[in-house]
Amino acid sequence: MDRKKDLIRDDQLSPPLHGTTPATLQLMSELETLVALARKTFFEWERLRIVYNVALGLLLSLLTPYVLSHGWLFITEVGRVILKGGLVANILFFAGPMTETYLRWHGYQSKWIRWFLLSFGTLLTAALAFSVIGGVLDVHDW
């Protein structure tokens, strides 16, 4: 008996594909490609999350003198708004890698797309943060 036939190959460890149509095999191949692309994109975006949070923090720090001039009760209220907004902002951060993955999957391979999405998303988030905090400031402006 041939020894090579007794060895298990890597492709034998996956589920059997008996009776699988060529269309199904094509779909499985495309899904594997999409998953690999998404994994790479999401890991690269995770490094950008630090840039995103630092940029938002620096922009929001411009409000510090005004907030500090209104006392501790006001500071805690603004702090709660900022913490909730930070949580929402980091959840919405996932729109960047999802959009980039979608565009790259459909063949758009420009290198500037990530920086455009990051810049636009950061500026949009900052504008929303200023409007929310501005609303809190207007309510409590004595």
Protein backbone atom coordinates (compact mmCIF):
# COMPACT_ATOMS: atom_id res chain seq x y z
CA MET A 1 0.00 0.00 0.00
CA ASP A 2 1.26 3.46 -0.86
CA ARG A 3 2.30 5.49 2.20
CA LYS A 4 1.23 8.80 0.61
CA LYS A 5 -2.39 7.68 0.51
CA ASP A 6 -2.38 7.10 4.28
CA LEU A 7 -1.33 10.68 5.11
CA ILE A 8 -4.04 13.22 5.83
CA ARG A 9 -3.90 16.33 3.71
CA ASP A 10 -5.07 19.77 4.95
CA ASP A 11 -7.92 19.81 2.47
CA GLN A 12 -9.20 16.53 3.92
CA LEU A 13 -9.75 18.18 7.32
CA SER A 14 -12.48 20.43 5.97
CA PRO A 15 -16.03 19.13 5.60
CA PRO A 16 -16.62 17.03 2.49
CA LEU A 17 -17.83 18.90 -0.55
CA HIS A 18 -19.45 15.95 -2.33
CA GLY A 19 -22.32 17.09 -4.49
CA THR A 20 -21.38 20.77 -4.16
CA THR A 21 -22.21 22.77 -7.25
CA PRO A 22 -19.65 25.00 -8.96
CA ALA A 23 -21.79 28.03 -8.04
CA THR A 24 -21.63 27.07 -4.36
CA LEU A 25 -17.87 26.58 -4.56
CA GLN A 26 -17.55 30.01 -6.22
CA LEU A 27 -19.65 31.60 -3.46
CA MET A 28 -17.56 29.91 -0.76
CA SER A 29 -14.39 31.20 -2.41
CA GLU A 30 -15.78 34.76 -2.56
CA LEU A 31 -16.82 34.61 1.10
CA GLU A 32 -13.35 33.44 2.13
CA THR A 33 -11.88 36.37 0.20
CA LEU A 34 -14.30 38.81 1.83
CA VAL A 35 -13.54 37.49 5.32
CA ALA A 36 -9.78 37.81 4.72
CA LEU A 37 -10.25 41.36 3.40
CA ALA A 38 -12.48 42.34 6.33
CA ARG A 39 -10.07 40.90 8.90
CA LYS A 40 -7.13 42.82 7.44
CA THR A 41 -9.13 46.07 7.16
CA PHE A 42 -10.55 45.88 10.69
CA PHE A 43 -7.13 45.22 12.25
CA GLU A 44 -5.65 48.20 10.39
CA TRP A 45 -8.53 50.42 11.54
CA GLU A 46 -8.05 49.41 15.17
CA ARG A 47 -4.71 51.22 15.13
CA LEU A 48 -6.53 54.32 13.87
CA ARG A 49 -8.98 54.19 16.80
CA ILE A 50 -6.26 55.79 18.96
CA VAL A 51 -5.89 58.67 16.48
CA TYR A 52 -9.68 59.05 16.38
CA ASN A 53 -10.08 59.20 20.16
CA VAL A 54 -7.12 61.57 20.66
CA ALA A 55 -8.43 63.92 17.95
CA LEU A 56 -11.90 63.98 19.51
CA GLY A 57 -10.43 64.50 22.97
CA LEU A 58 -8.33 67.43 21.78
CA LEU A 59 -11.31 69.02 20.05
CA LEU A 60 -13.54 68.61 23.10
CA SER A 61 -10.84 69.98 25.38
CA LEU A 62 -11.49 73.37 23.78
CA LEU A 63 -14.65 73.50 25.92
CA THR A 64 -12.77 72.93 29.19
CA PRO A 65 -12.46 76.57 30.34
CA TYR A 66 -16.16 77.21 29.80
CA VAL A 67 -17.24 73.99 31.53
CA LEU A 68 -14.95 74.56 34.52
CA SER A 69 -16.38 78.03 35.08
CA HIS A 70 -19.87 76.62 35.85
CA GLY A 71 -19.24 74.53 38.98
CA TRP A 72 -19.11 70.85 39.92
CA LEU A 73 -22.74 69.93 39.25
CA PHE A 74 -22.44 71.20 35.71
CA ILE A 75 -19.06 69.48 35.27
CA THR A 76 -20.52 66.09 36.25
CA GLU A 77 -23.46 66.54 33.88
CA VAL A 78 -21.19 67.42 30.95
CA GLY A 79 -18.91 64.54 31.97
CA ARG A 80 -21.80 62.08 31.73
CA VAL A 81 -22.74 63.43 28.32
CA ILE A 82 -19.14 63.11 27.11
CA LEU A 83 -18.81 59.53 28.41
CA LYS A 84 -22.06 58.45 26.76
CA GLY A 85 -21.07 60.23 23.57
CA GLY A 86 -17.64 58.58 23.63
CA LEU A 87 -19.24 55.16 23.86
CA VAL A 88 -21.57 55.91 20.96
CA ALA A 89 -18.70 57.44 18.94
CA ASN A 90 -16.59 54.31 19.37
CA ILE A 91 -19.49 52.09 18.33
CA LEU A 92 -20.07 54.26 15.25
CA PHE A 93 -16.33 54.09 14.52
CA PHE A 94 -17.08 50.69 12.97
CA ALA A 95 -18.75 52.47 10.04
CA GLY A 96 -15.25 53.26 8.74
CA PRO A 97 -13.87 49.74 8.39
CA MET A 98 -17.24 48.40 7.21
CA THR A 99 -17.43 51.02 4.46
CA GLU A 100 -13.82 50.48 3.43
CA THR A 101 -14.28 46.70 3.33
CA TYR A 102 -17.39 47.09 1.18
CA LEU A 103 -15.68 49.46 -1.27
CA ARG A 104 -12.54 47.32 -1.53
CA TRP A 105 -14.60 44.16 -2.01
CA HIS A 106 -16.24 45.84 -5.00
CA GLY A 107 -12.87 46.72 -6.49
CA TYR A 108 -12.25 50.29 -5.34
CA GLN A 109 -8.61 50.11 -4.20
CA SER A 110 -7.60 53.76 -3.71
CA LYS A 111 -5.16 54.29 -0.84
CA TRP A 112 -6.72 57.59 0.28
CA ILE A 113 -10.13 56.07 1.04
CA ARG A 114 -9.18 55.13 4.61
CA TRP A 115 -7.88 58.61 5.40
CA PHE A 116 -10.92 60.24 3.85
CA LEU A 117 -13.27 58.04 5.88
CA LEU A 118 -11.30 58.63 9.09
CA SER A 119 -11.11 62.41 8.57
CA PHE A 120 -14.76 62.78 7.55
CA GLY A 121 -15.96 60.52 10.38
CA THR A 122 -13.88 62.33 12.98
CA LEU A 123 -15.09 65.75 11.85
CA LEU A 124 -18.71 64.58 11.73
CA THR A 125 -18.42 63.07 15.21
CA ALA A 126 -16.80 66.25 16.53
CA ALA A 127 -19.59 68.38 15.04
CA LEU A 128 -22.22 66.14 16.63
CA ALA A 129 -20.38 66.23 19.96
CA PHE A 130 -20.19 70.03 19.91
CA SER A 131 -23.88 70.30 19.08
CA VAL A 132 -24.88 67.92 21.91
CA ILE A 133 -22.60 69.59 24.43
CA GLY A 134 -23.67 72.98 23.09
CA GLY A 135 -27.26 72.00 23.86
CA VAL A 136 -26.28 71.14 27.44
CA LEU A 137 -24.42 74.44 27.73
CA ASP A 138 -27.42 76.41 26.43
CA VAL A 139 -29.76 74.78 28.93
CA HIS A 140 -27.50 75.66 31.83
CA ASP A 141 -26.24 79.02 30.65
CA TRP A 142 -27.06 81.34 33.54
